[in-house]
């Protein structure tokens, strides 16, 4: 038995048949960052780089059993939560995670990169009420942040106040992602309750190959937290992983193509 075991990371998310996002992106990310990946599939999707062709959600009971099967036997050092299609899945996921002491990174997936809706509109309230209070970190992009706060957010100047507001509502740290603005630089804002806001930024990479960036970032942060990294440093390193994966994109597909997770060998 190895003296140094990898951190056990549980990804609770949907399946992307084309491999660019969802649990497929999570598993690749976790493995490349030295973690042991486990999954609880919430939804099966037929999708590719141009769109989502079909969605088949699991029952909440099946999702909860997958979570319990992993935690009770393997154990868990961090949890990443992605696509949760409806209130039934959200409720069962929250119940299955009661008592978990490991950090939970929640990516409130609502719309795919191609623009397809991935969550029942009635489930957003359940997400806010049942899972956000359990999260260590919530990672909405600007449109998702607007949905959660029930107002229109259009530029990065609104992000700090909005991230602070969501953090105060939920008790979780919030990483507001600014990739959906038209700014020449991508600005992300991390706000932790009772702490200062920290801004991260980088030059925008002109590419259409961004399928699964949100999934990749949240699972990278979860894995780094599982390694014991402090939150701010985990976010900084997670962003580096995503940037390098975008730069290494293999160029597959006619639309928003997948990242090159396989090429990211070092974050130094």
Protein backbone atom coordinates (compact mmCIF):
# COMPACT_ATOMS: atom_id res chain seq x y z
CA UNK A 1 0.00 0.00 0.00
CA UNK A 2 1.31 3.45 -0.98
CA UNK A 3 2.38 5.69 1.90
CA UNK A 4 0.88 8.70 0.14
CA UNK A 5 -2.69 8.12 -0.94
CA UNK A 6 -4.33 10.40 -3.48
CA UNK A 7 -7.20 12.62 -2.29
CA UNK A 8 -10.59 11.00 -2.89
CA UNK A 9 -12.72 13.34 -4.99
CA UNK A 10 -16.42 12.68 -5.62
CA UNK A 11 -17.92 14.35 -8.70
CA UNK A 12 -21.71 14.59 -8.60
CA UNK A 13 -22.66 15.69 -12.10
CA UNK A 14 -24.17 14.84 -15.46
CA UNK A 15 -22.60 12.72 -18.17
CA UNK A 16 -21.48 14.37 -21.42
CA UNK A 17 -21.44 11.73 -24.14
CA UNK A 18 -18.86 13.67 -26.17
CA UNK A 19 -16.42 13.80 -23.25
CA UNK A 20 -15.87 17.54 -23.08
CA UNK A 21 -17.84 18.50 -19.97
CA UNK A 22 -19.67 16.87 -17.05
CA UNK A 23 -18.20 13.93 -15.19
CA UNK A 24 -15.94 13.12 -18.14
CA UNK A 25 -14.18 16.48 -17.74
CA UNK A 26 -14.22 16.01 -13.96
CA UNK A 27 -12.52 12.61 -14.07
CA UNK A 28 -9.82 13.83 -16.48
CA UNK A 29 -9.13 16.88 -14.32
CA UNK A 30 -9.06 14.99 -11.04
CA UNK A 31 -6.70 12.37 -12.47
CA UNK A 32 -4.33 14.94 -14.00
CA UNK A 33 -4.13 16.72 -10.64
CA UNK A 34 -3.28 13.55 -8.75
CA UNK A 35 -6.66 12.72 -7.27
CA UNK A 36 -8.74 9.54 -7.13
CA UNK A 37 -11.98 10.19 -9.03
CA UNK A 38 -15.39 8.83 -8.05
CA UNK A 39 -18.68 9.75 -9.70
CA UNK A 40 -22.39 9.99 -9.01
CA UNK A 41 -24.18 10.44 -12.34
CA UNK A 42 -27.16 12.78 -12.04
CA UNK A 43 -28.20 12.96 -15.68
CA UNK A 44 -27.30 11.24 -18.93
CA UNK A 45 -27.04 13.61 -21.86
CA UNK A 46 -26.57 13.10 -25.57
CA UNK A 47 -24.47 16.10 -26.53
CA UNK A 48 -21.52 17.24 -28.56
CA UNK A 49 -19.76 20.48 -29.42
CA UNK A 50 -22.76 21.95 -31.24
CA UNK A 51 -25.53 21.27 -28.74
CA UNK A 52 -27.46 19.00 -26.42
CA UNK A 53 -29.64 16.49 -28.29
CA UNK A 54 -31.23 14.62 -25.35
CA UNK A 55 -31.39 14.71 -21.54
CA UNK A 56 -32.40 11.80 -19.29
CA UNK A 57 -32.19 12.60 -15.55
CA UNK A 58 -31.60 9.86 -13.01
CA UNK A 59 -34.01 9.44 -10.11
CA UNK A 60 -32.97 11.26 -6.96
CA UNK A 61 -32.85 7.95 -5.11
CA UNK A 62 -30.32 6.50 -7.55
CA UNK A 63 -28.14 9.61 -7.31
CA UNK A 64 -28.20 9.46 -3.51
CA UNK A 65 -27.28 5.77 -3.54
CA UNK A 66 -24.28 6.44 -5.78
CA UNK A 67 -23.08 9.11 -3.36
CA UNK A 68 -23.56 6.85 -0.33
CA UNK A 69 -21.86 3.90 -2.01
CA UNK A 70 -18.73 5.99 -2.58
CA UNK A 71 -18.60 7.73 0.78
CA UNK A 72 -19.39 4.72 2.95
CA UNK A 73 -16.71 2.49 1.44
CA UNK A 74 -14.02 4.62 -0.21
CA UNK A 75 -14.43 7.81 1.82
CA UNK A 76 -14.15 11.34 0.47
CA UNK A 77 -11.72 14.26 0.78
CA UNK A 78 -13.62 16.74 -1.41
CA UNK A 79 -16.87 16.89 -3.37
CA UNK A 80 -17.55 18.65 -6.66
CA UNK A 81 -21.21 19.17 -7.59
CA UNK A 82 -22.20 20.07 -11.13
CA UNK A 83 -25.39 19.52 -13.13
CA UNK A 84 -28.42 18.76 -10.94
CA UNK A 85 -31.40 18.65 -13.27
CA UNK A 86 -34.37 18.94 -10.92
CA UNK A 87 -35.57 19.42 -7.35
CA UNK A 88 -35.81 15.65 -6.71
CA UNK A 89 -32.11 15.17 -7.52
CA UNK A 90 -31.17 18.26 -5.50
CA UNK A 91 -33.09 17.10 -2.42
CA UNK A 92 -31.65 13.60 -2.49
CA UNK A 93 -28.12 14.92 -3.09
CA UNK A 94 -28.38 17.26 -0.12
CA UNK A 95 -29.67 14.44 2.10
CA UNK A 96 -26.87 12.10 1.02
CA UNK A 97 -24.22 14.71 1.86
CA UNK A 98 -25.46 15.45 5.39
CA UNK A 99 -22.58 14.90 7.79
CA UNK A 100 -19.86 15.14 5.15
CA UNK A 101 -16.98 17.19 6.57
CA UNK A 102 -14.99 17.42 3.34
CA UNK A 103 -15.07 20.67 1.32
CA UNK A 104 -17.88 20.91 -1.24
CA UNK A 105 -17.42 22.89 -4.46
CA UNK A 106 -20.74 23.64 -6.13
CA UNK A 107 -20.85 24.69 -9.79
CA UNK A 108 -24.48 25.78 -10.40
CA UNK A 109 -24.72 24.48 -13.97
CA UNK A 110 -27.77 25.98 -15.66
CA UNK A 111 -26.92 26.37 -19.34
CA UNK A 112 -24.42 24.48 -21.52
CA UNK A 113 -21.66 26.25 -23.46
CA UNK A 114 -23.79 25.77 -26.59
CA UNK A 115 -26.75 27.52 -24.92
CA UNK A 116 -28.98 24.57 -23.97
CA UNK A 117 -30.86 24.67 -20.65
CA UNK A 118 -29.61 21.99 -18.24
CA UNK A 119 -31.79 22.58 -15.16
CA UNK A 120 -35.51 22.76 -14.52
CA UNK A 121 -36.29 26.43 -13.73
CA UNK A 122 -38.26 25.37 -10.64
CA UNK A 123 -35.12 23.69 -9.26
CA UNK A 124 -33.14 26.90 -8.81
CA UNK A 125 -34.90 27.74 -5.53
CA UNK A 126 -34.18 24.22 -4.22
CA UNK A 127 -30.53 24.65 -5.15
CA UNK A 128 -30.30 27.92 -3.23
CA UNK A 129 -32.16 26.63 -0.18
CA UNK A 130 -30.84 23.08 0.20
CA UNK A 131 -27.33 22.85 -1.26
CA UNK A 132 -25.80 26.31 -1.14
CA UNK A 133 -25.70 26.32 2.70
CA UNK A 134 -23.70 23.07 2.56
CA UNK A 135 -21.13 24.38 0.07
CA UNK A 136 -17.61 25.56 0.81
CA UNK A 137 -17.43 27.37 -2.53
CA UNK A 138 -20.01 28.24 -5.20
CA UNK A 139 -18.66 28.98 -8.71
CA UNK A 140 -21.31 30.75 -10.87
CA UNK A 141 -20.52 32.49 -14.13
CA UNK A 142 -22.04 35.93 -14.64
CA UNK A 143 -25.36 34.77 -16.19
CA UNK A 144 -25.77 32.11 -13.46
CA UNK A 145 -25.01 34.68 -10.78
CA UNK A 146 -27.72 36.89 -12.24
CA UNK A 147 -30.22 34.00 -12.23
CA UNK A 148 -29.43 33.22 -8.60
CA UNK A 149 -29.85 36.84 -7.52
CA UNK A 150 -32.85 37.32 -9.83
CA UNK A 151 -31.47 40.32 -11.67
CA UNK A 152 -29.56 41.09 -14.84
CA UNK A 153 -25.76 41.25 -14.54
CA UNK A 154 -23.87 42.30 -17.64
CA UNK A 155 -20.34 43.39 -16.79
CA UNK A 156 -17.47 42.71 -14.42
CA UNK A 157 -17.99 45.94 -12.47
CA UNK A 158 -21.07 44.35 -10.90
CA UNK A 159 -19.31 41.14 -9.85
CA UNK A 160 -17.82 42.07 -6.48
CA UNK A 161 -21.09 43.33 -5.03
CA UNK A 162 -23.02 40.39 -6.50
CA UNK A 163 -20.50 37.82 -5.21
CA UNK A 164 -20.64 39.39 -1.75
CA UNK A 165 -24.44 39.35 -1.79
CA UNK A 166 -24.63 35.67 -2.75
CA UNK A 167 -22.00 34.80 -0.15
CA UNK A 168 -23.99 36.54 2.58
CA UNK A 169 -27.16 34.75 1.43
CA UNK A 170 -25.60 31.30 1.55
CA UNK A 171 -22.69 31.43 3.97
CA UNK A 172 -20.44 29.97 1.26
CA UNK A 173 -17.46 31.52 -0.48
CA UNK A 174 -18.31 32.62 -4.03
CA UNK A 175 -16.08 32.59 -7.10
CA UNK A 176 -17.84 34.81 -9.66
CA UNK A 177 -16.51 34.08 -13.15
CA UNK A 178 -16.39 36.86 -15.73
CA UNK A 179 -15.77 34.94 -18.93
CA UNK A 180 -19.17 35.89 -20.36
CA UNK A 181 -18.38 39.61 -20.51
CA UNK A 182 -16.94 41.34 -23.57
CA UNK A 183 -13.89 42.58 -21.63
CA UNK A 184 -10.46 42.03 -23.16
CA UNK A 185 -9.32 40.48 -19.89
CA UNK A 186 -11.17 37.75 -18.01
CA UNK A 187 -11.82 38.87 -14.44
CA UNK A 188 -12.91 36.42 -11.72
CA UNK A 189 -13.73 37.51 -8.17
CA UNK A 190 -13.41 35.33 -5.06
CA UNK A 191 -15.36 36.52 -2.03
CA UNK A 192 -15.23 34.64 1.27
CA UNK A 193 -17.53 35.46 4.21
CA UNK A 194 -15.84 37.90 6.56
CA UNK A 195 -12.82 38.26 4.27
CA UNK A 196 -11.70 40.52 1.45
CA UNK A 197 -12.58 40.07 -2.20
CA UNK A 198 -9.70 38.71 -4.29
CA UNK A 199 -9.54 39.41 -8.01
CA UNK A 200 -7.92 37.13 -10.58
CA UNK A 201 -7.50 38.12 -14.20
CA UNK A 202 -5.82 37.06 -17.43
CA UNK A 203 -5.89 38.00 -21.08
CA UNK A 204 -8.82 36.53 -23.00
CA UNK A 205 -7.81 33.58 -25.17
CA UNK A 206 -9.47 33.88 -28.57
CA UNK A 207 -10.80 30.38 -29.16
CA UNK A 208 -14.07 28.53 -29.63
CA UNK A 209 -12.73 25.51 -27.72
CA UNK A 210 -14.17 26.21 -24.26
CA UNK A 211 -16.58 23.32 -23.77
CA UNK A 212 -16.40 22.19 -20.14
CA UNK A 213 -14.38 25.08 -18.70
CA UNK A 214 -16.71 25.50 -15.72
CA UNK A 215 -16.73 21.78 -14.95
CA UNK A 216 -12.96 21.65 -15.25
CA UNK A 217 -12.38 24.63 -12.96
CA UNK A 218 -14.69 23.42 -10.21
CA UNK A 219 -13.28 19.89 -10.20
CA UNK A 220 -9.72 21.28 -10.25
CA UNK A 221 -10.46 23.45 -7.21
CA UNK A 222 -12.10 20.52 -5.41
CA UNK A 223 -9.09 18.30 -6.10
CA UNK A 224 -6.64 20.94 -4.88
CA UNK A 225 -8.73 21.44 -1.73
CA UNK A 226 -8.61 17.68 -1.28
CA UNK A 227 -4.81 17.95 -1.41
CA UNK A 228 -5.03 20.42 1.48
CA UNK A 229 -4.46 23.66 -0.42
CA UNK A 230 -6.00 26.85 1.05
CA UNK A 231 -9.03 28.09 -0.88
CA UNK A 232 -7.42 31.14 -2.50
CA UNK A 233 -4.41 29.13 -3.67
CA UNK A 234 -6.65 26.30 -4.90
CA UNK A 235 -8.58 28.82 -7.01
CA UNK A 236 -5.36 30.33 -8.38
CA UNK A 237 -3.94 26.93 -9.35
CA UNK A 238 -7.29 25.71 -10.68
CA UNK A 239 -7.48 28.70 -13.01
CA UNK A 240 -3.96 27.93 -14.26
CA UNK A 241 -5.02 24.37 -15.03
CA UNK A 242 -8.01 25.58 -17.07
CA UNK A 243 -5.93 28.12 -19.01
CA UNK A 244 -3.34 25.52 -19.96
CA UNK A 245 -6.05 23.05 -20.93
CA UNK A 246 -7.66 25.68 -23.19
CA UNK A 247 -4.29 26.38 -24.80
CA UNK A 248 -3.84 22.63 -25.40
CA UNK A 249 -7.33 22.07 -26.87
CA UNK A 250 -7.18 19.31 -29.52
CA UNK A 251 -9.53 21.11 -31.93
CA UNK A 252 -12.26 18.47 -32.03
CA UNK A 253 -15.80 19.19 -33.20
CA UNK A 254 -17.58 21.77 -35.33
CA UNK A 255 -18.71 23.94 -32.39
CA UNK A 256 -17.39 24.71 -28.91
CA UNK A 257 -14.69 22.08 -28.67
CA UNK A 258 -13.26 20.30 -25.60
CA UNK A 259 -10.16 21.23 -23.63
CA UNK A 260 -6.81 19.45 -23.65
CA UNK A 261 -6.84 18.08 -20.11
CA UNK A 262 -4.40 15.35 -21.11
CA UNK A 263 -1.64 17.86 -21.91
CA UNK A 264 -1.49 19.68 -18.56
CA UNK A 265 1.44 18.04 -16.80
CA UNK A 266 2.51 20.82 -14.45
CA UNK A 267 1.16 24.04 -12.92
CA UNK A 268 4.59 25.54 -12.21
